[in-house]
Amino acid sequence: MTRIAAIAQAEFRIALRNRWVAIAVAMMALFALVLSAAGSAPTGALGADRLSVTVASLTSLAVYLVPLVALLMAFDAIAGEVERGTLPLMLTYPLSRPELLAGKALAHLLTLALALAVGYGIAAAAAFYGDPRAATGLPALARLYWTSLLLGGTFLGIGYALSALARRPGAAAGLAIALWLVLIVLYDLGLLAAVVADNGGYFTTDIFPWLLLANPADAFRLYNLAASEATAAAAGIGGAARSIPLWQSLGAIALWPLLAFALAVAALRRLTP
């Protein structure tokens, strides 16, 4: 634990020097403030408190922004060490490769936790200012916070694996952006096209739910929408969220960070600096 803490401390200082903490906090604060103002319009029609409706909007924000921030922090974690020649030096110390990754992940998760706390805190403050019933939505906000950290941890692990496989920061950055585009944007578009073509057949009823759980971003969105009182505010996937058992989506978002970290460890062990 001492070795992991030392790596985490050093990585957090690097994040401060590279202004990753400031960038992540500013991005979350800006988008959360915009959504807290624009996403509260359906409050009266849904009969829900303003914070619950804002959480539904923040869920859609987190699906896009949290994986992107995590991948941008992680793509250089291994490839950058290889390019600078510091990875062989680090591995000469009594430090295992899983411990190295754990230290980096701890620092990056702390950075992400600070950004999420600021962004979601601003959204909550705006909701409390406009609605005295907003305290009802605090459990949903807390649930969104820790599931966002799990989602971020998943994409941090995937980013480390890509960084180890690419060996060069430029190639790792390209792979990270391509992966974000596929999993966050194109994946759902492909599923939507398949559902429309299937027209309520076997794919829609039996295969489609499992494909949603196979994507960590979709599992995150399903769990938060299914557990929220304001699922109608996110009208695209609300039906799917209500049809898939809550424990399945929760199990998926809890399992994905472990799988991603195991993948990163396997990729780093194959890397010969």
C-alpha atoms as a PDB file:
ATOM      1  CA  MET A   1       0.000   0.000   0.000  1.00  0.00           C
ATOM      2  CA  THR A   2       2.903   2.359   0.692  1.00  0.00           C
ATOM      3  CA  ARG A   3       4.283   1.826  -2.809  1.00  0.00           C
ATOM      4  CA  ILE A   4       0.846   2.347  -4.379  1.00  0.00           C
ATOM      5  CA  ALA A   5       0.345   5.541  -2.349  1.00  0.00           C
ATOM      6  CA  ALA A   6       3.756   6.848  -3.447  1.00  0.00           C
ATOM      7  CA  ILE A   7       2.919   6.284  -7.125  1.00  0.00           C
ATOM      8  CA  ALA A   8      -0.511   7.860  -6.629  1.00  0.00           C
ATOM      9  CA  GLN A   9       1.016  10.937  -4.994  1.00  0.00           C
ATOM     10  CA  ALA A  10       3.511  11.373  -7.819  1.00  0.00           C
ATOM     11  CA  GLU A  11       0.831  10.903 -10.503  1.00  0.00           C
ATOM     12  CA  PHE A  12      -1.490  13.401  -8.819  1.00  0.00           C
ATOM     13  CA  ARG A  13       1.298  15.979  -8.811  1.00  0.00           C
ATOM     14  CA  ILE A  14       1.816  15.344 -12.524  1.00  0.00           C
ATOM     15  CA  ALA A  15      -1.925  15.841 -13.086  1.00  0.00           C
ATOM     16  CA  LEU A  16      -1.753  19.149 -11.227  1.00  0.00           C
ATOM     17  CA  ARG A  17       1.281  20.238 -13.258  1.00  0.00           C
ATOM     18  CA  ASN A  18      -0.420  19.284 -16.530  1.00  0.00           C
ATOM     19  CA  ARG A  19      -3.589  21.068 -15.382  1.00  0.00           C
ATOM     20  CA  TRP A  20      -5.660  17.911 -15.791  1.00  0.00           C
ATOM     21  CA  VAL A  21      -7.377  18.597 -12.471  1.00  0.00           C
ATOM     22  CA  ALA A  22      -8.346  22.124 -13.524  1.00  0.00           C
ATOM     23  CA  ILE A  23      -9.488  20.995 -16.984  1.00  0.00           C
ATOM     24  CA  ALA A  24     -11.638  18.143 -15.646  1.00  0.00           C
ATOM     25  CA  VAL A  25     -13.196  20.320 -12.932  1.00  0.00           C
ATOM     26  CA  ALA A  26     -13.918  23.142 -15.381  1.00  0.00           C
ATOM     27  CA  MET A  27     -15.531  20.788 -17.914  1.00  0.00           C
ATOM     28  CA  MET A  28     -17.781  19.139 -15.352  1.00  0.00           C
ATOM     29  CA  ALA A  29     -18.730  22.428 -13.721  1.00  0.00           C
ATOM     30  CA  LEU A  30     -19.610  24.105 -17.016  1.00  0.00           C
ATOM     31  CA  PHE A  31     -21.724  21.291 -18.436  1.00  0.00           C
ATOM     32  CA  ALA A  32     -23.409  20.536 -15.110  1.00  0.00           C
ATOM     33  CA  LEU A  33     -24.390  24.186 -14.702  1.00  0.00           C
ATOM     34  CA  VAL A  34     -25.866  24.304 -18.207  1.00  0.00           C
ATOM     35  CA  LEU A  35     -27.805  21.089 -17.693  1.00  0.00           C
ATOM     36  CA  SER A  36     -29.072  22.125 -14.291  1.00  0.00           C
ATOM     37  CA  ALA A  37     -30.638  25.170 -15.932  1.00  0.00           C
ATOM     38  CA  ALA A  38     -31.887  23.561 -19.149  1.00  0.00           C
ATOM     39  CA  GLY A  39     -32.707  20.086 -17.831  1.00  0.00           C
ATOM     40  CA  SER A  40     -35.190  21.220 -15.209  1.00  0.00           C
ATOM     41  CA  ALA A  41     -37.858  22.253 -17.718  1.00  0.00           C
ATOM     42  CA  PRO A  42     -39.879  18.970 -17.509  1.00  0.00           C
ATOM     43  CA  THR A  43     -40.122  19.147 -13.696  1.00  0.00           C
ATOM     44  CA  GLY A  44     -43.727  20.218 -13.538  1.00  0.00           C
ATOM     45  CA  ALA A  45     -44.901  17.801 -16.238  1.00  0.00           C
ATOM     46  CA  LEU A  46     -43.233  14.819 -14.545  1.00  0.00           C
ATOM     47  CA  GLY A  47     -44.294  15.695 -11.030  1.00  0.00           C
ATOM     48  CA  ALA A  48     -40.743  15.041  -9.799  1.00  0.00           C
ATOM     49  CA  ASP A  49     -38.479  17.340  -7.855  1.00  0.00           C
ATOM     50  CA  ARG A  50     -35.999  19.458  -9.753  1.00  0.00           C
ATOM     51  CA  LEU A  51     -32.914  17.607  -8.534  1.00  0.00           C
ATOM     52  CA  SER A  52     -34.245  14.203  -9.676  1.00  0.00           C
ATOM     53  CA  VAL A  53     -34.900  15.560 -13.165  1.00  0.00           C
ATOM     54  CA  THR A  54     -31.482  17.221 -13.192  1.00  0.00           C
ATOM     55  CA  VAL A  55     -29.882  13.883 -12.233  1.00  0.00           C
ATOM     56  CA  ALA A  56     -31.554  12.257 -15.249  1.00  0.00           C
ATOM     57  CA  SER A  57     -29.983  14.936 -17.455  1.00  0.00           C
ATOM     58  CA  LEU A  58     -26.613  14.585 -15.702  1.00  0.00           C
ATOM     59  CA  THR A  59     -26.725  10.858 -16.428  1.00  0.00           C
ATOM     60  CA  SER A  60     -26.708  11.591 -20.151  1.00  0.00           C
ATOM     61  CA  LEU A  61     -23.856  14.059 -19.615  1.00  0.00           C
ATOM     62  CA  ALA A  62     -21.810  11.537 -17.624  1.00  0.00           C
ATOM     63  CA  VAL A  63     -22.198   8.848 -20.311  1.00  0.00           C
ATOM     64  CA  TYR A  64     -20.359  11.084 -22.780  1.00  0.00           C
ATOM     65  CA  LEU A  65     -18.043  13.148 -20.608  1.00  0.00           C
ATOM     66  CA  VAL A  66     -16.766  10.758 -17.908  1.00  0.00           C
ATOM     67  CA  PRO A  67     -15.382   8.134 -20.357  1.00  0.00           C
ATOM     68  CA  LEU A  68     -13.799  10.877 -22.457  1.00  0.00           C
ATOM     69  CA  VAL A  69     -12.053  12.489 -19.469  1.00  0.00           C
ATOM     70  CA  ALA A  70     -10.910   9.080 -18.205  1.00  0.00           C
ATOM     71  CA  LEU A  71      -9.463   8.059 -21.575  1.00  0.00           C
ATOM     72  CA  LEU A  72      -7.708  11.413 -21.987  1.00  0.00           C
ATOM     73  CA  MET A  73      -6.056  10.957 -18.600  1.00  0.00           C
ATOM     74  CA  ALA A  74      -5.105   7.327 -19.213  1.00  0.00           C
ATOM     75  CA  PHE A  75      -3.825   7.200 -22.803  1.00  0.00           C
ATOM     76  CA  ASP A  76      -0.418   8.631 -21.833  1.00  0.00           C
ATOM     77  CA  ALA A  77      -0.031   6.691 -18.587  1.00  0.00           C
ATOM     78  CA  ILE A  78       2.073   3.839 -20.011  1.00  0.00           C
ATOM     79  CA  ALA A  79       2.980   5.002 -23.510  1.00  0.00           C
ATOM     80  CA  GLY A  80       4.348   8.255 -22.124  1.00  0.00           C
ATOM     81  CA  GLU A  81       6.576   6.380 -19.669  1.00  0.00           C
ATOM     82  CA  VAL A  82       7.849   4.197 -22.523  1.00  0.00           C
ATOM     83  CA  GLU A  83       8.598   7.177 -24.768  1.00  0.00           C
ATOM     84  CA  ARG A  84      10.375   9.098 -21.999  1.00  0.00           C
ATOM     85  CA  GLY A  85      12.358   6.003 -21.005  1.00  0.00           C
ATOM     86  CA  THR A  86      11.164   6.144 -17.396  1.00  0.00           C
ATOM     87  CA  LEU A  87       9.234   2.858 -17.371  1.00  0.00           C
ATOM     88  CA  PRO A  88      12.357   0.611 -17.245  1.00  0.00           C
ATOM     89  CA  LEU A  89      13.676   2.756 -14.397  1.00  0.00           C
ATOM     90  CA  MET A  90      10.445   2.471 -12.435  1.00  0.00           C
ATOM     91  CA  LEU A  91      10.367  -1.293 -12.883  1.00  0.00           C
ATOM     92  CA  THR A  92      13.857  -1.627 -11.385  1.00  0.00           C
ATOM     93  CA  TYR A  93      12.372  -0.661  -8.017  1.00  0.00           C
ATOM     94  CA  PRO A  94      10.585  -3.239  -5.827  1.00  0.00           C
ATOM     95  CA  LEU A  95       7.309  -2.341  -7.522  1.00  0.00           C
ATOM     96  CA  SER A  96       5.114  -4.800  -9.374  1.00  0.00           C
ATOM     97  CA  ARG A  97       3.274  -3.840 -12.535  1.00  0.00           C
ATOM     98  CA  PRO A  98      -0.179  -4.194 -10.933  1.00  0.00           C
ATOM     99  CA  GLU A  99       0.999  -1.862  -8.135  1.00  0.00           C
ATOM    100  CA  LEU A 100       2.184   0.660 -10.717  1.00  0.00           C
ATOM    101  CA  LEU A 101      -1.199   0.607 -12.418  1.00  0.00           C
ATOM    102  CA  ALA A 102      -3.037   0.763  -9.099  1.00  0.00           C
ATOM    103  CA  GLY A 103      -1.115   3.895  -8.100  1.00  0.00           C
ATOM    104  CA  LYS A 104      -1.861   5.604 -11.387  1.00  0.00           C
ATOM    105  CA  ALA A 105      -5.529   4.584 -11.205  1.00  0.00           C
ATOM    106  CA  LEU A 106      -5.836   5.911  -7.646  1.00  0.00           C
ATOM    107  CA  ALA A 107      -4.487   9.322  -8.655  1.00  0.00           C
ATOM    108  CA  HIS A 108      -6.668   9.537 -11.750  1.00  0.00           C
ATOM    109  CA  LEU A 109      -9.758   8.430  -9.830  1.00  0.00           C
ATOM    110  CA  LEU A 110      -9.067  11.146  -7.263  1.00  0.00           C
ATOM    111  CA  THR A 111      -8.863  13.700 -10.059  1.00  0.00           C
ATOM    112  CA  LEU A 112     -12.135  12.441 -11.494  1.00  0.00           C
ATOM    113  CA  ALA A 113     -13.770  12.381  -8.052  1.00  0.00           C
ATOM    114  CA  LEU A 114     -12.893  16.041  -7.504  1.00  0.00           C
ATOM    115  CA  ALA A 115     -14.269  17.006 -10.911  1.00  0.00           C
ATOM    116  CA  LEU A 116     -17.512  15.094 -10.349  1.00  0.00           C
ATOM    117  CA  ALA A 117     -17.947  16.521  -6.858  1.00  0.00           C
ATOM    118  CA  VAL A 118     -17.638  20.065  -8.160  1.00  0.00           C
ATOM    119  CA  GLY A 119     -19.868  19.523 -11.197  1.00  0.00           C
ATOM    120  CA  TYR A 120     -22.602  17.607  -9.417  1.00  0.00           C
ATOM    121  CA  GLY A 121     -22.376  19.933  -6.427  1.00  0.00           C
ATOM    122  CA  ILE A 122     -23.051  22.951  -8.640  1.00  0.00           C
ATOM    123  CA  ALA A 123     -26.019  21.180 -10.222  1.00  0.00           C
ATOM    124  CA  ALA A 124     -27.391  20.295  -6.777  1.00  0.00           C
ATOM    125  CA  ALA A 125     -26.976  23.853  -5.530  1.00  0.00           C
ATOM    126  CA  ALA A 126     -28.877  25.185  -8.553  1.00  0.00           C
ATOM    127  CA  ALA A 127     -31.654  22.634  -7.983  1.00  0.00           C
ATOM    128  CA  PHE A 128     -31.983  23.558  -4.286  1.00  0.00           C
ATOM    129  CA  TYR A 129     -32.099  27.225  -5.206  1.00  0.00           C
ATOM    130  CA  GLY A 130     -35.087  26.717  -7.510  1.00  0.00           C
ATOM    131  CA  ASP A 131     -37.021  23.935  -5.747  1.00  0.00           C
ATOM    132  CA  PRO A 132     -37.544  23.418  -1.994  1.00  0.00           C
ATOM    133  CA  ARG A 133     -38.352  19.730  -2.675  1.00  0.00           C
ATOM    134  CA  ALA A 134     -34.913  19.086  -4.170  1.00  0.00           C
ATOM    135  CA  ALA A 135     -33.730  17.129  -1.113  1.00  0.00           C
ATOM    136  CA  THR A 136     -35.837  14.220  -2.404  1.00  0.00           C
ATOM    137  CA  GLY A 137     -33.334  13.769  -5.241  1.00  0.00           C
ATOM    138  CA  LEU A 138     -30.207  13.534  -3.037  1.00  0.00           C
ATOM    139  CA  PRO A 139     -30.140   9.689  -3.041  1.00  0.00           C
ATOM    140  CA  ALA A 140     -30.290   9.723  -6.852  1.00  0.00           C
ATOM    141  CA  LEU A 141     -27.423  12.240  -6.961  1.00  0.00           C
ATOM    142  CA  ALA A 142     -25.308  10.118  -4.601  1.00  0.00           C
ATOM    143  CA  ARG A 143     -26.033   7.044  -6.730  1.00  0.00           C
ATOM    144  CA  LEU A 144     -25.018   8.928  -9.866  1.00  0.00           C
ATOM    145  CA  TYR A 145     -21.765  10.016  -8.195  1.00  0.00           C
ATOM    146  CA  TRP A 146     -20.450   6.591  -7.224  1.00  0.00           C
ATOM    147  CA  THR A 147     -21.616   4.940 -10.434  1.00  0.00           C
ATOM    148  CA  SER A 148     -19.846   7.697 -12.387  1.00  0.00           C
ATOM    149  CA  LEU A 149     -16.642   6.792 -10.547  1.00  0.00           C
ATOM    150  CA  LEU A 150     -17.141   3.146 -11.513  1.00  0.00           C
ATOM    151  CA  LEU A 151     -17.685   4.177 -15.128  1.00  0.00           C
ATOM    152  CA  GLY A 152     -14.573   6.329 -15.014  1.00  0.00           C
ATOM    153  CA  GLY A 153     -12.581   3.470 -13.478  1.00  0.00           C
ATOM    154  CA  THR A 154     -13.671   1.199 -16.320  1.00  0.00           C
ATOM    155  CA  PHE A 155     -12.427   3.558 -19.003  1.00  0.00           C
ATOM    156  CA  LEU A 156      -9.248   4.299 -17.069  1.00  0.00           C
ATOM    157  CA  GLY A 157      -8.453   0.592 -17.153  1.00  0.00           C
ATOM    158  CA  ILE A 158      -9.272   0.375 -20.851  1.00  0.00           C
ATOM    159  CA  GLY A 159      -7.136   3.455 -21.480  1.00  0.00           C
ATOM    160  CA  TYR A 160      -4.163   1.901 -19.661  1.00  0.00           C
ATOM    161  CA  ALA A 161      -4.503  -1.235 -21.770  1.00  0.00           C
ATOM    162  CA  LEU A 162      -4.546   0.794 -24.984  1.00  0.00           C
ATOM    163  CA  SER A 163      -1.571   2.818 -23.757  1.00  0.00           C
ATOM    164  CA  ALA A 164       0.444  -0.325 -23.074  1.00  0.00           C
ATOM    165  CA  LEU A 165      -0.475  -1.893 -26.409  1.00  0.00           C
ATOM    166  CA  ALA A 166       0.208   1.245 -28.469  1.00  0.00           C
ATOM    167  CA  ARG A 167       3.585   2.079 -26.807  1.00  0.00           C
ATOM    168  CA  ARG A 168       3.456   5.596 -28.288  1.00  0.00           C
ATOM    169  CA  PRO A 169       1.318   8.484 -26.947  1.00  0.00           C
ATOM    170  CA  GLY A 170       0.147   9.534 -30.412  1.00  0.00           C
ATOM    171  CA  ALA A 171      -1.059   6.066 -31.328  1.00  0.00           C
ATOM    172  CA  ALA A 172      -2.609   5.604 -27.874  1.00  0.00           C
ATOM    173  CA  ALA A 173      -4.500   8.896 -28.216  1.00  0.00           C
ATOM    174  CA  GLY A 174      -5.888   7.852 -31.589  1.00  0.00           C
ATOM    175  CA  LEU A 175      -6.986   4.477 -30.226  1.00  0.00           C
ATOM    176  CA  ALA A 176      -8.609   6.120 -27.189  1.00  0.00           C
ATOM    177  CA  ILE A 177     -10.659   8.545 -29.274  1.00  0.00           C
ATOM    178  CA  ALA A 178     -11.659   5.785 -31.690  1.00  0.00           C
ATOM    179  CA  LEU A 179     -12.762   3.576 -28.803  1.00  0.00           C
ATOM    180  CA  TRP A 180     -14.798   6.424 -27.269  1.00  0.00           C
ATOM    181  CA  LEU A 181     -16.483   7.046 -30.608  1.00  0.00           C
ATOM    182  CA  VAL A 182     -17.341   3.365 -31.076  1.00  0.00           C
ATOM    183  CA  LEU A 183     -18.574   2.580 -27.555  1.00  0.00           C
ATOM    184  CA  ILE A 184     -20.332   5.853 -26.759  1.00  0.00           C
ATOM    185  CA  VAL A 185     -21.741   6.932 -30.129  1.00  0.00           C
ATOM    186  CA  LEU A 186     -21.692   4.254 -32.820  1.00  0.00           C
ATOM    187  CA  TYR A 187     -22.556   1.301 -30.572  1.00  0.00           C
ATOM    188  CA  ASP A 188     -25.998   2.659 -29.664  1.00  0.00           C
ATOM    189  CA  LEU A 189     -26.670   3.731 -33.241  1.00  0.00           C
ATOM    190  CA  GLY A 190     -25.927   0.205 -34.421  1.00  0.00           C
ATOM    191  CA  LEU A 191     -28.212  -1.285 -31.780  1.00  0.00           C
ATOM    192  CA  LEU A 192     -30.983   1.132 -32.733  1.00  0.00           C
ATOM    193  CA  ALA A 193     -30.691   0.174 -36.395  1.00  0.00           C
ATOM    194  CA  ALA A 194     -30.785  -3.519 -35.490  1.00  0.00           C
ATOM    195  CA  VAL A 195     -33.879  -3.057 -33.299  1.00  0.00           C
ATOM    196  CA  VAL A 196     -35.697  -1.173 -36.055  1.00  0.00           C
ATOM    197  CA  ALA A 197     -34.801  -3.856 -38.599  1.00  0.00           C
ATOM    198  CA  ASP A 198     -35.829  -6.653 -36.219  1.00  0.00           C
ATOM    199  CA  ASN A 199     -39.265  -5.085 -35.644  1.00  0.00           C
ATOM    200  CA  GLY A 200     -39.898  -6.668 -32.252  1.00  0.00           C
ATOM    201  CA  GLY A 201     -38.416 -10.075 -33.029  1.00  0.00           C
ATOM    202  CA  TYR A 202     -35.960 -12.367 -31.250  1.00  0.00           C
ATOM    203  CA  PHE A 203     -33.091  -9.871 -31.355  1.00  0.00           C
ATOM    204  CA  THR A 204     -35.126  -7.168 -29.621  1.00  0.00           C
ATOM    205  CA  THR A 205     -36.517  -9.402 -26.882  1.00  0.00           C
ATOM    206  CA  ASP A 206     -33.574 -11.702 -26.116  1.00  0.00           C
ATOM    207  CA  ILE A 207     -30.276 -10.375 -27.497  1.00  0.00           C
ATOM    208  CA  PHE A 208     -30.702  -6.602 -27.268  1.00  0.00           C
ATOM    209  CA  PRO A 209     -30.780  -6.408 -23.414  1.00  0.00           C
ATOM    210  CA  TRP A 210     -27.542  -8.391 -23.113  1.00  0.00           C
ATOM    211  CA  LEU A 211     -25.823  -6.194 -25.694  1.00  0.00           C
ATOM    212  CA  LEU A 212     -26.784  -3.161 -23.631  1.00  0.00           C
ATOM    213  CA  LEU A 213     -25.226  -4.708 -20.525  1.00  0.00           C
ATOM    214  CA  ALA A 214     -22.105  -5.590 -22.535  1.00  0.00           C
ATOM    215  CA  ASN A 215     -21.350  -1.887 -22.959  1.00  0.00           C
ATOM    216  CA  PRO A 216     -20.244  -0.251 -19.668  1.00  0.00           C
ATOM    217  CA  ALA A 217     -21.699   3.123 -20.699  1.00  0.00           C
ATOM    218  CA  ASP A 218     -25.101   1.613 -21.460  1.00  0.00           C
ATOM    219  CA  ALA A 219     -25.072  -0.426 -18.239  1.00  0.00           C
ATOM    220  CA  PHE A 220     -24.334   2.771 -16.302  1.00  0.00           C
ATOM    221  CA  ARG A 221     -27.185   4.617 -17.974  1.00  0.00           C
ATOM    222  CA  LEU A 222     -29.611   1.718 -17.534  1.00  0.00           C
ATOM    223  CA  TYR A 223     -28.934   1.416 -13.812  1.00  0.00           C
ATOM    224  CA  ASN A 224     -29.271   5.108 -13.044  1.00  0.00           C
ATOM    225  CA  LEU A 225     -32.414   5.544 -15.121  1.00  0.00           C
ATOM    226  CA  ALA A 226     -34.039   2.392 -13.760  1.00  0.00           C
ATOM    227  CA  ALA A 227     -33.354   3.467 -10.170  1.00  0.00           C
ATOM    228  CA  SER A 228     -34.482   7.057 -10.772  1.00  0.00           C
ATOM    229  CA  GLU A 229     -37.974   8.467 -10.386  1.00  0.00           C
ATOM    230  CA  ALA A 230     -37.518  10.615 -13.477  1.00  0.00           C
ATOM    231  CA  THR A 231     -36.868   8.038 -16.209  1.00  0.00           C
ATOM    232  CA  ALA A 232     -39.360   9.769 -18.432  1.00  0.00           C
ATOM    233  CA  ALA A 233     -36.972  12.685 -18.702  1.00  0.00           C
ATOM    234  CA  ALA A 234     -34.637  10.503 -20.744  1.00  0.00           C
ATOM    235  CA  ALA A 235     -37.115   9.219 -23.226  1.00  0.00           C
ATOM    236  CA  GLY A 236     -34.930   7.127 -25.518  1.00  0.00           C
ATOM    237  CA  ILE A 237     -33.682   4.377 -23.286  1.00  0.00           C
ATOM    238  CA  GLY A 238     -36.281   4.645 -20.522  1.00  0.00           C
ATOM    239  CA  GLY A 239     -38.233   1.614 -21.774  1.00  0.00           C
ATOM    240  CA  ALA A 240     -35.120  -0.549 -21.843  1.00  0.00           C
ATOM    241  CA  ALA A 241     -34.161   0.663 -18.376  1.00  0.00           C
ATOM    242  CA  ARG A 242     -37.493  -0.511 -16.991  1.00  0.00           C
ATOM    243  CA  SER A 243     -37.366  -3.886 -18.773  1.00  0.00           C
ATOM    244  CA  ILE A 244     -33.909  -5.006 -17.559  1.00  0.00           C
ATOM    245  CA  PRO A 245     -33.660  -6.101 -13.881  1.00  0.00           C
ATOM    246  CA  LEU A 246     -31.852  -3.596 -11.703  1.00  0.00           C
ATOM    247  CA  TRP A 247     -29.403  -6.172 -10.345  1.00  0.00           C
ATOM    248  CA  GLN A 248     -28.179  -7.022 -13.826  1.00  0.00           C
ATOM    249  CA  SER A 249     -27.204  -3.456 -14.716  1.00  0.00           C
ATOM    250  CA  LEU A 250     -25.690  -2.964 -11.248  1.00  0.00           C
ATOM    251  CA  GLY A 251     -23.673  -6.151 -11.618  1.00  0.00           C
ATOM    252  CA  ALA A 252     -22.425  -5.026 -15.032  1.00  0.00           C
ATOM    253  CA  ILE A 253     -21.170  -1.637 -13.856  1.00  0.00           C
ATOM    254  CA  ALA A 254     -19.528  -3.241 -10.804  1.00  0.00           C
ATOM    255  CA  LEU A 255     -17.815  -5.966 -12.861  1.00  0.00           C
ATOM    256  CA  TRP A 256     -16.548  -3.805 -15.704  1.00  0.00           C
ATOM    257  CA  PRO A 257     -13.857  -1.891 -13.701  1.00  0.00           C
ATOM    258  CA  LEU A 258     -12.384  -5.199 -12.505  1.00  0.00           C
ATOM    259  CA  LEU A 259     -12.308  -6.601 -16.034  1.00  0.00           C
ATOM    260  CA  ALA A 260     -10.774  -3.402 -17.408  1.00  0.00           C
ATOM    261  CA  PHE A 261      -8.040  -3.363 -14.765  1.00  0.00           C
ATOM    262  CA  ALA A 262      -7.282  -7.043 -15.384  1.00  0.00           C
ATOM    263  CA  LEU A 263      -6.999  -6.267 -19.095  1.00  0.00           C
ATOM    264  CA  ALA A 264      -4.627  -3.388 -18.348  1.00  0.00           C
ATOM    265  CA  VAL A 265      -2.448  -5.595 -16.132  1.00  0.00           C
ATOM    266  CA  ALA A 266      -2.297  -8.277 -18.832  1.00  0.00           C
ATOM    267  CA  ALA A 267      -1.329  -5.695 -21.479  1.00  0.00           C
ATOM    268  CA  LEU A 268       1.375  -4.192 -19.233  1.00  0.00           C
ATOM    269  CA  ARG A 269       2.848  -7.606 -18.442  1.00  0.00           C
ATOM    270  CA  ARG A 270       3.215  -8.303 -22.165  1.00  0.00           C
ATOM    271  CA  LEU A 271       5.042  -4.997 -22.623  1.00  0.00           C
ATOM    272  CA  THR A 272       8.829  -5.216 -22.734  1.00  0.00           C
ATOM    273  CA  PRO A 273      10.192  -1.722 -22.045  1.00  0.00           C
END
